[in-house]
Amino acid sequence: MGKQQIKDGNWKTIFGTIITIWIVASIIASSVSELKQAVSEKIVIIPIVGPLTISENDGGILQSGTASTSDILDNIKKAKDDSSVKAVIFEINSPGGTVVASEEIANAVKNLDKPNIALIREVGASGAYWVASASDKIVASPMSITGSIGVISSYLEFSKLFDKYGITYQQLTSGEYKDVGTPYKELSVKEKDYLQKKLDIIYDYFISEVSKNRNMDREKVKEMADGKFYLGTEAKDLGLIDYLGDREFAVNLTKQMINKTDIEVITYKQKLTFLEQLTRMSSYYAGKGIGETLLNFNMNKEIKINA
């Protein structure tokens, strides 16, 4: 019994220590960020990470976050209104998201009125590529995932499950298409045609926006807009991006664009929930501990060579 209490006490101490470290680290990081942002001239990096959505992280501290338009638009406005910000790098790692969210962010990028670059590090697909296309130049890692120009709509349908258990769906609507897309019945041919036409309108708009943003022939964009994704090297050959490179390359390119070599580079942090910050920090310390153990093992183990 005593040993169990000691173990429980150890876990409580460890968890309390982690929480304390997180709070102190957050305060220090915030202070350092504010000091950096007081620099006279700077290049700002704005992260666009995760699925794009108009929803905010309003589900509490334990909710996993997404790249909400409110956070990203606030950061863009902040950079736009700050005269000390001379250029912006949008660091993208996103599979895309909703049409409205993608368009809102893309329009904000287009209207920034400051030199800017989109950096696709791992993924910049679908709506996220739409956002990237609105920037002055696009840099992508050679093995990154880009493109995937297309529109998808889907939903779960339970009608066959209902049939199996003798459950019926009673339809009471005031319009023929009022319950179109309900998961309780199959789509009729007429309903499928109705929804497909809406998707085609969005798809056509998506193609037009990319075509204008990239100054590419619309038919050429349409040929590539079949939902396929392209690696960075392929995207460069197709004209979907301008340069192959990493973060350092993007920063140097931005400095060249504004003709300033000695300028501070800061990052506007994307808002993270408590759970996300705690998970990242815990993962770091867990990985650090495992790494040190393996390193010490490799350094201390006896090496024998058979003659």
C-alpha atoms as a PDB file:
ATOM      1  CA  MET A   1       0.000   0.000   0.000  1.00  0.00           C
ATOM      2  CA  GLY A   2       2.837   2.360   0.916  1.00  0.00           C
ATOM      3  CA  LYS A   3       4.657   1.693  -2.353  1.00  0.00           C
ATOM      4  CA  GLN A   4       1.487   2.410  -4.347  1.00  0.00           C
ATOM      5  CA  GLN A   5       1.040   5.747  -2.556  1.00  0.00           C
ATOM      6  CA  ILE A   6       4.663   6.632  -3.312  1.00  0.00           C
ATOM      7  CA  LYS A   7       4.165   5.784  -7.000  1.00  0.00           C
ATOM      8  CA  ASP A   8       0.978   7.864  -7.127  1.00  0.00           C
ATOM      9  CA  GLY A   9       2.837  10.704  -5.439  1.00  0.00           C
ATOM     10  CA  ASN A  10       5.644  10.491  -7.989  1.00  0.00           C
ATOM     11  CA  TRP A  11       3.199  10.755 -10.891  1.00  0.00           C
ATOM     12  CA  LYS A  12       1.520  13.760  -9.284  1.00  0.00           C
ATOM     13  CA  THR A  13       4.911  15.401  -8.811  1.00  0.00           C
ATOM     14  CA  ILE A  14       5.905  14.726 -12.425  1.00  0.00           C
ATOM     15  CA  PHE A  15       2.605  16.064 -13.781  1.00  0.00           C
ATOM     16  CA  GLY A  16       2.825  19.123 -11.536  1.00  0.00           C
ATOM     17  CA  THR A  17       6.365  19.768 -12.732  1.00  0.00           C
ATOM     18  CA  ILE A  18       5.288  19.515 -16.392  1.00  0.00           C
ATOM     19  CA  ILE A  19       2.449  21.989 -15.822  1.00  0.00           C
ATOM     20  CA  THR A  20       4.787  24.411 -14.047  1.00  0.00           C
ATOM     21  CA  ILE A  21       7.383  24.173 -16.825  1.00  0.00           C
ATOM     22  CA  TRP A  22       4.679  24.799 -19.435  1.00  0.00           C
ATOM     23  CA  ILE A  23       3.393  27.900 -17.638  1.00  0.00           C
ATOM     24  CA  VAL A  24       6.884  29.343 -17.169  1.00  0.00           C
ATOM     25  CA  ALA A  25       7.872  28.500 -20.772  1.00  0.00           C
ATOM     26  CA  SER A  26       4.712  30.166 -22.093  1.00  0.00           C
ATOM     27  CA  ILE A  27       5.415  33.359 -20.128  1.00  0.00           C
ATOM     28  CA  ILE A  28       9.050  33.470 -21.281  1.00  0.00           C
ATOM     29  CA  ALA A  29       8.099  32.737 -24.919  1.00  0.00           C
ATOM     30  CA  SER A  30       5.484  35.483 -24.849  1.00  0.00           C
ATOM     31  CA  SER A  31       7.964  37.999 -23.422  1.00  0.00           C
ATOM     32  CA  VAL A  32      10.650  37.088 -25.959  1.00  0.00           C
ATOM     33  CA  SER A  33       8.109  37.333 -28.787  1.00  0.00           C
ATOM     34  CA  GLU A  34       7.054  40.829 -27.685  1.00  0.00           C
ATOM     35  CA  LEU A  35      10.685  41.962 -27.489  1.00  0.00           C
ATOM     36  CA  LYS A  36      11.432  40.626 -30.962  1.00  0.00           C
ATOM     37  CA  GLN A  37       8.378  42.354 -32.403  1.00  0.00           C
ATOM     38  CA  ALA A  38       9.696  45.687 -31.132  1.00  0.00           C
ATOM     39  CA  VAL A  39      12.554  45.509 -33.662  1.00  0.00           C
ATOM     40  CA  SER A  40      12.575  48.512 -36.037  1.00  0.00           C
ATOM     41  CA  GLU A  41      12.341  46.516 -39.277  1.00  0.00           C
ATOM     42  CA  LYS A  42      11.432  42.880 -39.709  1.00  0.00           C
ATOM     43  CA  ILE A  43      10.195  40.054 -41.881  1.00  0.00           C
ATOM     44  CA  VAL A  44       7.233  38.242 -40.364  1.00  0.00           C
ATOM     45  CA  ILE A  45       6.479  34.538 -40.719  1.00  0.00           C
ATOM     46  CA  ILE A  46       2.772  33.694 -40.424  1.00  0.00           C
ATOM     47  CA  PRO A  47       2.069  29.961 -39.909  1.00  0.00           C
ATOM     48  CA  ILE A  48      -0.916  28.404 -41.663  1.00  0.00           C
ATOM     49  CA  VAL A  49      -1.028  24.946 -40.120  1.00  0.00           C
ATOM     50  CA  GLY A  50      -3.839  22.403 -40.145  1.00  0.00           C
ATOM     51  CA  PRO A  51      -7.233  22.219 -41.884  1.00  0.00           C
ATOM     52  CA  LEU A  52      -8.592  25.631 -42.846  1.00  0.00           C
ATOM     53  CA  THR A  53     -11.881  26.506 -41.195  1.00  0.00           C
ATOM     54  CA  ILE A  54     -13.891  29.584 -40.271  1.00  0.00           C
ATOM     55  CA  SER A  55     -14.517  28.084 -36.817  1.00  0.00           C
ATOM     56  CA  GLU A  56     -12.456  29.224 -33.857  1.00  0.00           C
ATOM     57  CA  ASN A  57     -11.034  26.996 -31.133  1.00  0.00           C
ATOM     58  CA  ASP A  58     -13.975  27.624 -28.871  1.00  0.00           C
ATOM     59  CA  GLY A  59     -14.432  24.125 -27.508  1.00  0.00           C
ATOM     60  CA  GLY A  60     -12.298  24.696 -24.419  1.00  0.00           C
ATOM     61  CA  ILE A  61      -8.657  24.208 -23.520  1.00  0.00           C
ATOM     62  CA  LEU A  62      -8.734  20.511 -24.357  1.00  0.00           C
ATOM     63  CA  GLN A  63     -10.086  20.882 -27.897  1.00  0.00           C
ATOM     64  CA  SER A  64      -7.694  20.124 -30.741  1.00  0.00           C
ATOM     65  CA  GLY A  65      -7.317  23.199 -32.927  1.00  0.00           C
ATOM     66  CA  THR A  66      -7.413  23.941 -36.618  1.00  0.00           C
ATOM     67  CA  ALA A  67      -6.186  26.839 -38.740  1.00  0.00           C
ATOM     68  CA  SER A  68      -9.111  29.206 -38.179  1.00  0.00           C
ATOM     69  CA  THR A  69      -9.527  32.203 -40.459  1.00  0.00           C
ATOM     70  CA  SER A  70      -9.949  34.561 -37.498  1.00  0.00           C
ATOM     71  CA  ASP A  71      -6.453  33.786 -36.165  1.00  0.00           C
ATOM     72  CA  ILE A  72      -4.795  33.949 -39.580  1.00  0.00           C
ATOM     73  CA  LEU A  73      -6.647  37.084 -40.691  1.00  0.00           C
ATOM     74  CA  ASP A  74      -5.764  38.792 -37.405  1.00  0.00           C
ATOM     75  CA  ASN A  75      -2.088  38.031 -38.013  1.00  0.00           C
ATOM     76  CA  ILE A  76      -2.260  39.282 -41.602  1.00  0.00           C
ATOM     77  CA  LYS A  77      -3.934  42.522 -40.478  1.00  0.00           C
ATOM     78  CA  LYS A  78      -1.357  42.908 -37.731  1.00  0.00           C
ATOM     79  CA  ALA A  79       1.465  42.591 -40.271  1.00  0.00           C
ATOM     80  CA  LYS A  80      -0.305  44.893 -42.729  1.00  0.00           C
ATOM     81  CA  ASP A  81      -0.824  47.660 -40.145  1.00  0.00           C
ATOM     82  CA  ASP A  82       2.713  47.439 -38.730  1.00  0.00           C
ATOM     83  CA  SER A  83       4.976  49.797 -40.683  1.00  0.00           C
ATOM     84  CA  SER A  84       8.071  47.999 -39.374  1.00  0.00           C
ATOM     85  CA  VAL A  85       7.009  44.807 -41.186  1.00  0.00           C
ATOM     86  CA  LYS A  86       8.672  44.935 -44.599  1.00  0.00           C
ATOM     87  CA  ALA A  87       7.661  41.508 -45.917  1.00  0.00           C
ATOM     88  CA  VAL A  88       5.703  38.404 -44.963  1.00  0.00           C
ATOM     89  CA  ILE A  89       6.334  34.676 -45.360  1.00  0.00           C
ATOM     90  CA  PHE A  90       3.298  32.403 -45.131  1.00  0.00           C
ATOM     91  CA  GLU A  91       4.576  29.082 -43.818  1.00  0.00           C
ATOM     92  CA  ILE A  92       2.007  26.541 -44.999  1.00  0.00           C
ATOM     93  CA  ASN A  93       1.462  23.013 -43.785  1.00  0.00           C
ATOM     94  CA  SER A  94      -2.199  22.353 -44.521  1.00  0.00           C
ATOM     95  CA  PRO A  95      -4.302  19.883 -46.536  1.00  0.00           C
ATOM     96  CA  GLY A  96      -6.848  22.598 -47.341  1.00  0.00           C
ATOM     97  CA  GLY A  97     -10.284  23.106 -45.851  1.00  0.00           C
ATOM     98  CA  THR A  98     -13.614  24.789 -46.439  1.00  0.00           C
ATOM     99  CA  VAL A  99     -14.227  26.911 -49.521  1.00  0.00           C
ATOM    100  CA  VAL A 100     -15.128  30.064 -47.590  1.00  0.00           C
ATOM    101  CA  ALA A 101     -12.122  29.801 -45.257  1.00  0.00           C
ATOM    102  CA  SER A 102      -9.743  29.246 -48.177  1.00  0.00           C
ATOM    103  CA  GLU A 103     -11.150  32.186 -50.124  1.00  0.00           C
ATOM    104  CA  GLU A 104     -11.080  34.567 -47.139  1.00  0.00           C
ATOM    105  CA  ILE A 105      -7.432  33.847 -46.402  1.00  0.00           C
ATOM    106  CA  ALA A 106      -6.444  33.949 -50.094  1.00  0.00           C
ATOM    107  CA  ASN A 107      -8.117  37.353 -50.499  1.00  0.00           C
ATOM    108  CA  ALA A 108      -6.318  38.683 -47.414  1.00  0.00           C
ATOM    109  CA  VAL A 109      -2.976  37.489 -48.812  1.00  0.00           C
ATOM    110  CA  LYS A 110      -3.760  39.090 -52.167  1.00  0.00           C
ATOM    111  CA  ASN A 111      -4.637  42.420 -50.530  1.00  0.00           C
ATOM    112  CA  LEU A 112      -1.634  42.534 -48.189  1.00  0.00           C
ATOM    113  CA  ASP A 113       0.197  45.207 -50.226  1.00  0.00           C
ATOM    114  CA  LYS A 114       3.569  44.054 -48.910  1.00  0.00           C
ATOM    115  CA  PRO A 115       6.070  41.676 -50.536  1.00  0.00           C
ATOM    116  CA  ASN A 116       5.142  38.156 -49.527  1.00  0.00           C
ATOM    117  CA  ILE A 117       6.073  34.538 -50.170  1.00  0.00           C
ATOM    118  CA  ALA A 118       4.242  31.281 -49.550  1.00  0.00           C
ATOM    119  CA  LEU A 119       6.464  28.506 -48.211  1.00  0.00           C
ATOM    120  CA  ILE A 120       5.032  24.996 -48.555  1.00  0.00           C
ATOM    121  CA  ARG A 121       7.117  22.829 -46.250  1.00  0.00           C
ATOM    122  CA  GLU A 122       5.196  19.546 -46.197  1.00  0.00           C
ATOM    123  CA  VAL A 123       1.645  20.008 -47.495  1.00  0.00           C
ATOM    124  CA  GLY A 124      -0.011  22.845 -49.364  1.00  0.00           C
ATOM    125  CA  ALA A 125      -2.938  21.153 -51.053  1.00  0.00           C
ATOM    126  CA  SER A 126      -6.435  22.041 -52.220  1.00  0.00           C
ATOM    127  CA  GLY A 127      -7.627  25.196 -50.391  1.00  0.00           C
ATOM    128  CA  ALA A 128      -4.153  25.682 -48.908  1.00  0.00           C
ATOM    129  CA  TYR A 129      -2.707  25.783 -52.418  1.00  0.00           C
ATOM    130  CA  TRP A 130      -5.403  28.344 -53.292  1.00  0.00           C
ATOM    131  CA  VAL A 131      -4.001  30.483 -50.454  1.00  0.00           C
ATOM    132  CA  ALA A 132      -0.423  29.948 -51.651  1.00  0.00           C
ATOM    133  CA  SER A 133      -1.365  30.912 -55.208  1.00  0.00           C
ATOM    134  CA  ALA A 134      -2.432  34.353 -53.961  1.00  0.00           C
ATOM    135  CA  SER A 135       1.111  35.177 -52.780  1.00  0.00           C
ATOM    136  CA  ASP A 136       3.780  36.947 -54.847  1.00  0.00           C
ATOM    137  CA  LYS A 137       5.955  33.828 -55.085  1.00  0.00           C
ATOM    138  CA  ILE A 138       5.693  30.201 -53.975  1.00  0.00           C
ATOM    139  CA  VAL A 139       8.587  28.204 -52.537  1.00  0.00           C
ATOM    140  CA  ALA A 140       8.095  24.492 -51.854  1.00  0.00           C
ATOM    141  CA  SER A 141      10.188  21.654 -50.548  1.00  0.00           C
ATOM    142  CA  PRO A 142      11.094  19.241 -53.377  1.00  0.00           C
ATOM    143  CA  MET A 143       9.221  16.403 -51.630  1.00  0.00           C
ATOM    144  CA  SER A 144       6.275  18.478 -50.417  1.00  0.00           C
ATOM    145  CA  ILE A 145       2.695  17.803 -51.495  1.00  0.00           C
ATOM    146  CA  THR A 146       1.122  20.572 -53.564  1.00  0.00           C
ATOM    147  CA  GLY A 147      -1.807  21.105 -55.903  1.00  0.00           C
ATOM    148  CA  SER A 148      -4.780  18.753 -55.478  1.00  0.00           C
ATOM    149  CA  ILE A 149      -6.946  21.347 -57.181  1.00  0.00           C
ATOM    150  CA  GLY A 150     -10.492  20.111 -56.910  1.00  0.00           C
ATOM    151  CA  VAL A 151     -13.634  20.033 -54.795  1.00  0.00           C
ATOM    152  CA  ILE A 152     -15.071  17.214 -52.711  1.00  0.00           C
ATOM    153  CA  SER A 153     -18.319  16.783 -50.817  1.00  0.00           C
ATOM    154  CA  SER A 154     -19.281  13.680 -48.887  1.00  0.00           C
ATOM    155  CA  TYR A 155     -21.520  12.404 -46.127  1.00  0.00           C
ATOM    156  CA  LEU A 156     -22.386   9.152 -44.373  1.00  0.00           C
ATOM    157  CA  GLU A 157     -25.573   7.378 -45.385  1.00  0.00           C
ATOM    158  CA  PHE A 158     -27.376   4.932 -43.075  1.00  0.00           C
ATOM    159  CA  SER A 159     -30.385   3.834 -45.129  1.00  0.00           C
ATOM    160  CA  LYS A 160     -29.183   0.234 -45.594  1.00  0.00           C
ATOM    161  CA  LEU A 161     -28.498  -0.036 -41.856  1.00  0.00           C
ATOM    162  CA  PHE A 162     -32.012   1.230 -41.170  1.00  0.00           C
ATOM    163  CA  ASP A 163     -33.450  -1.406 -43.513  1.00  0.00           C
ATOM    164  CA  LYS A 164     -31.582  -4.128 -41.617  1.00  0.00           C
ATOM    165  CA  TYR A 165     -33.091  -3.143 -38.273  1.00  0.00           C
ATOM    166  CA  GLY A 166     -36.538  -2.169 -39.522  1.00  0.00           C
ATOM    167  CA  ILE A 167     -36.074   1.568 -38.981  1.00  0.00           C
ATOM    168  CA  THR A 168     -37.890   3.943 -41.319  1.00  0.00           C
ATOM    169  CA  TYR A 169     -37.251   7.581 -42.160  1.00  0.00           C
ATOM    170  CA  GLN A 170     -40.347   9.748 -42.483  1.00  0.00           C
ATOM    171  CA  GLN A 171     -39.819  12.801 -44.685  1.00  0.00           C
ATOM    172  CA  LEU A 172     -41.762  15.985 -43.905  1.00  0.00           C
ATOM    173  CA  THR A 173     -40.441  19.018 -45.787  1.00  0.00           C
ATOM    174  CA  SER A 174     -41.767  22.225 -47.293  1.00  0.00           C
ATOM    175  CA  GLY A 175     -39.478  22.016 -50.307  1.00  0.00           C
ATOM    176  CA  GLU A 176     -38.378  19.306 -52.712  1.00  0.00           C
ATOM    177  CA  TYR A 177     -34.666  19.661 -51.878  1.00  0.00           C
ATOM    178  CA  LYS A 178     -34.967  20.617 -48.195  1.00  0.00           C
ATOM    179  CA  ASP A 179     -33.563  17.323 -46.888  1.00  0.00           C
ATOM    180  CA  VAL A 180     -31.095  16.661 -49.688  1.00  0.00           C
ATOM    181  CA  GLY A 181     -27.966  15.043 -48.265  1.00  0.00           C
ATOM    182  CA  THR A 182     -29.628  13.618 -45.171  1.00  0.00           C
ATOM    183  CA  PRO A 183     -27.853  10.421 -44.051  1.00  0.00           C
ATOM    184  CA  TYR A 184     -31.193   8.661 -43.537  1.00  0.00           C
ATOM    185  CA  LYS A 185     -31.995   8.009 -47.197  1.00  0.00           C
ATOM    186  CA  GLU A 186     -30.259   7.429 -50.522  1.00  0.00           C
ATOM    187  CA  LEU A 187     -29.820  10.330 -52.896  1.00  0.00           C
ATOM    188  CA  SER A 188     -32.103  10.248 -55.883  1.00  0.00           C
ATOM    189  CA  VAL A 189     -30.654  10.750 -59.376  1.00  0.00           C
ATOM    190  CA  LYS A 190     -32.213  14.201 -59.407  1.00  0.00           C
ATOM    191  CA  GLU A 191     -30.639  15.110 -56.045  1.00  0.00           C
ATOM    192  CA  LYS A 192     -27.201  13.876 -57.114  1.00  0.00           C
ATOM    193  CA  ASP A 193     -27.426  16.024 -60.232  1.00  0.00           C
ATOM    194  CA  TYR A 194     -28.458  19.025 -58.114  1.00  0.00           C
ATOM    195  CA  LEU A 195     -25.491  18.666 -55.733  1.00  0.00           C
ATOM    196  CA  GLN A 196     -23.025  17.955 -58.543  1.00  0.00           C
ATOM    197  CA  LYS A 197     -23.981  21.210 -60.272  1.00  0.00           C
ATOM    198  CA  LYS A 198     -23.182  23.130 -57.060  1.00  0.00           C
ATOM    199  CA  LEU A 199     -19.790  21.425 -56.812  1.00  0.00           C
ATOM    200  CA  ASP A 200     -19.088  22.226 -60.463  1.00  0.00           C
ATOM    201  CA  ILE A 201     -19.717  25.932 -59.801  1.00  0.00           C
ATOM    202  CA  ILE A 202     -17.257  25.916 -56.871  1.00  0.00           C
ATOM    203  CA  TYR A 203     -14.746  23.914 -58.923  1.00  0.00           C
ATOM    204  CA  ASP A 204     -14.947  26.396 -61.815  1.00  0.00           C
ATOM    205  CA  TYR A 205     -14.444  29.306 -59.404  1.00  0.00           C
ATOM    206  CA  PHE A 206     -11.437  27.578 -57.808  1.00  0.00           C
ATOM    207  CA  ILE A 207      -9.793  27.099 -61.224  1.00  0.00           C
ATOM    208  CA  SER A 208     -10.434  30.716 -62.193  1.00  0.00           C
ATOM    209  CA  GLU A 209      -8.891  32.042 -58.981  1.00  0.00           C
ATOM    210  CA  VAL A 210      -5.744  29.926 -59.324  1.00  0.00           C
ATOM    211  CA  SER A 211      -5.468  30.912 -62.979  1.00  0.00           C
ATOM    212  CA  LYS A 212      -5.632  34.634 -62.133  1.00  0.00           C
ATOM    213  CA  ASN A 213      -3.364  34.371 -59.098  1.00  0.00           C
ATOM    214  CA  ARG A 214      -0.657  32.440 -60.947  1.00  0.00           C
ATOM    215  CA  ASN A 215      -1.139  34.276 -64.239  1.00  0.00           C
ATOM    216  CA  MET A 216      -1.599  30.925 -65.966  1.00  0.00           C
ATOM    217  CA  ASP A 217      -3.807  29.962 -68.872  1.00  0.00           C
ATOM    218  CA  ARG A 218      -7.143  28.783 -67.509  1.00  0.00           C
ATOM    219  CA  GLU A 219      -7.231  25.682 -69.681  1.00  0.00           C
ATOM    220  CA  LYS A 220      -3.761  24.694 -68.492  1.00  0.00           C
ATOM    221  CA  VAL A 221      -4.899  24.958 -64.884  1.00  0.00           C
ATOM    222  CA  LYS A 222      -8.025  22.973 -65.690  1.00  0.00           C
ATOM    223  CA  GLU A 223      -5.904  20.154 -67.135  1.00  0.00           C
ATOM    224  CA  MET A 224      -4.140  19.862 -63.778  1.00  0.00           C
ATOM    225  CA  ALA A 225      -7.309  20.342 -61.728  1.00  0.00           C
ATOM    226  CA  ASP A 226      -8.313  16.693 -61.542  1.00  0.00           C
ATOM    227  CA  GLY A 227      -7.632  16.328 -57.822  1.00  0.00           C
ATOM    228  CA  LYS A 228      -4.124  14.901 -58.264  1.00  0.00           C
ATOM    229  CA  PHE A 229      -1.428  16.095 -55.917  1.00  0.00           C
ATOM    230  CA  TYR A 230       2.087  16.854 -57.109  1.00  0.00           C
ATOM    231  CA  LEU A 231       5.430  16.675 -55.390  1.00  0.00           C
ATOM    232  CA  GLY A 232       7.333  19.941 -55.237  1.00  0.00           C
ATOM    233  CA  THR A 233       9.659  18.942 -58.067  1.00  0.00           C
ATOM    234  CA  GLU A 234       6.667  18.128 -60.298  1.00  0.00           C
ATOM    235  CA  ALA A 235       4.850  21.308 -59.306  1.00  0.00           C
ATOM    236  CA  LYS A 236       7.876  23.369 -60.320  1.00  0.00           C
ATOM    237  CA  ASP A 237       7.892  21.839 -63.811  1.00  0.00           C
ATOM    238  CA  LEU A 238       4.155  22.463 -64.145  1.00  0.00           C
ATOM    239  CA  GLY A 239       4.399  26.106 -63.086  1.00  0.00           C
ATOM    240  CA  LEU A 240       2.383  25.649 -59.891  1.00  0.00           C
ATOM    241  CA  ILE A 241       5.284  26.959 -57.800  1.00  0.00           C
ATOM    242  CA  ASP A 242       8.223  29.264 -58.485  1.00  0.00           C
ATOM    243  CA  TYR A 243      11.144  27.856 -56.500  1.00  0.00           C
ATOM    244  CA  LEU A 244      12.285  24.686 -54.763  1.00  0.00           C
ATOM    245  CA  GLY A 245      13.723  25.302 -51.330  1.00  0.00           C
ATOM    246  CA  ASP A 246      13.431  25.239 -47.569  1.00  0.00           C
ATOM    247  CA  ARG A 247      12.739  27.862 -44.926  1.00  0.00           C
ATOM    248  CA  GLU A 248      16.232  29.350 -45.124  1.00  0.00           C
ATOM    249  CA  PHE A 249      15.894  29.691 -48.899  1.00  0.00           C
ATOM    250  CA  ALA A 250      12.512  31.421 -48.494  1.00  0.00           C
ATOM    251  CA  VAL A 251      13.942  33.866 -45.953  1.00  0.00           C
ATOM    252  CA  ASN A 252      16.922  34.712 -48.195  1.00  0.00           C
ATOM    253  CA  LEU A 253      14.636  35.125 -51.198  1.00  0.00           C
ATOM    254  CA  THR A 254      12.427  37.507 -49.213  1.00  0.00           C
ATOM    255  CA  LYS A 255      15.470  39.541 -48.201  1.00  0.00           C
ATOM    256  CA  GLN A 256      16.438  39.813 -51.862  1.00  0.00           C
ATOM    257  CA  MET A 257      12.920  40.948 -52.782  1.00  0.00           C
ATOM    258  CA  ILE A 258      13.082  43.850 -50.318  1.00  0.00           C
ATOM    259  CA  ASN A 259      16.821  44.424 -50.845  1.00  0.00           C
ATOM    260  CA  LYS A 260      17.634  44.075 -47.138  1.00  0.00           C
ATOM    261  CA  THR A 261      20.189  41.533 -45.942  1.00  0.00           C
ATOM    262  CA  ASP A 262      20.426  42.576 -42.293  1.00  0.00           C
ATOM    263  CA  ILE A 263      16.849  42.389 -41.024  1.00  0.00           C
ATOM    264  CA  GLU A 264      15.194  40.554 -38.142  1.00  0.00           C
ATOM    265  CA  VAL A 265      12.912  37.592 -38.865  1.00  0.00           C
ATOM    266  CA  ILE A 266      10.149  36.863 -36.350  1.00  0.00           C
ATOM    267  CA  THR A 267       7.215  34.449 -36.255  1.00  0.00           C
ATOM    268  CA  TYR A 268       3.648  35.258 -35.330  1.00  0.00           C
ATOM    269  CA  LYS A 269       2.696  32.190 -33.326  1.00  0.00           C
ATOM    270  CA  GLN A 270      -0.423  30.271 -34.259  1.00  0.00           C
ATOM    271  CA  LYS A 271      -2.733  29.904 -31.274  1.00  0.00           C
ATOM    272  CA  LEU A 272      -2.588  26.461 -29.687  1.00  0.00           C
ATOM    273  CA  THR A 273      -4.931  24.949 -27.146  1.00  0.00           C
ATOM    274  CA  PHE A 274      -3.601  23.934 -23.745  1.00  0.00           C
ATOM    275  CA  LEU A 275      -3.769  20.261 -24.742  1.00  0.00           C
ATOM    276  CA  GLU A 276      -1.788  20.853 -27.955  1.00  0.00           C
ATOM    277  CA  GLN A 277       0.937  22.786 -26.141  1.00  0.00           C
ATOM    278  CA  LEU A 278       1.116  20.204 -23.362  1.00  0.00           C
ATOM    279  CA  THR A 279       1.239  17.342 -25.881  1.00  0.00           C
ATOM    280  CA  ARG A 280       4.045  18.970 -27.882  1.00  0.00           C
ATOM    281  CA  MET A 281       6.060  19.684 -24.764  1.00  0.00           C
ATOM    282  CA  SER A 282       5.489  16.198 -23.330  1.00  0.00           C
ATOM    283  CA  SER A 283       6.461  14.637 -26.660  1.00  0.00           C
ATOM    284  CA  TYR A 284       9.654  16.669 -26.698  1.00  0.00           C
ATOM    285  CA  TYR A 285      10.710  15.582 -23.219  1.00  0.00           C
ATOM    286  CA  ALA A 286       9.725  11.968 -23.879  1.00  0.00           C
ATOM    287  CA  GLY A 287      11.724  11.990 -27.129  1.00  0.00           C
ATOM    288  CA  LYS A 288      14.626  13.755 -25.431  1.00  0.00           C
ATOM    289  CA  GLY A 289      14.703  11.111 -22.715  1.00  0.00           C
ATOM    290  CA  ILE A 290      14.608   8.223 -25.169  1.00  0.00           C
ATOM    291  CA  GLY A 291      17.246   9.880 -27.360  1.00  0.00           C
ATOM    292  CA  GLU A 292      19.605  10.445 -24.446  1.00  0.00           C
ATOM    293  CA  THR A 293      19.163   6.847 -23.282  1.00  0.00           C
ATOM    294  CA  LEU A 294      20.017   5.485 -26.723  1.00  0.00           C
ATOM    295  CA  LEU A 295      22.952   7.869 -27.080  1.00  0.00           C
ATOM    296  CA  ASN A 296      24.384   6.898 -23.704  1.00  0.00           C
ATOM    297  CA  PHE A 297      23.881   3.224 -24.518  1.00  0.00           C
ATOM    298  CA  ASN A 298      25.736   3.552 -27.811  1.00  0.00           C
ATOM    299  CA  MET A 299      28.553   5.546 -26.210  1.00  0.00           C
ATOM    300  CA  ASN A 300      29.007   3.213 -23.239  1.00  0.00           C
ATOM    301  CA  LYS A 301      28.531  -0.210 -24.809  1.00  0.00           C
ATOM    302  CA  GLU A 302      31.650  -2.316 -25.361  1.00  0.00           C
ATOM    303  CA  ILE A 303      32.596  -2.838 -28.990  1.00  0.00           C
ATOM    304  CA  LYS A 304      34.230  -6.162 -29.794  1.00  0.00           C
ATOM    305  CA  ILE A 305      35.909  -7.015 -33.054  1.00  0.00           C
ATOM    306  CA  ASN A 306      36.520 -10.667 -33.819  1.00  0.00           C
ATOM    307  CA  ALA A 307      39.973 -11.253 -35.256  1.00  0.00           C
END
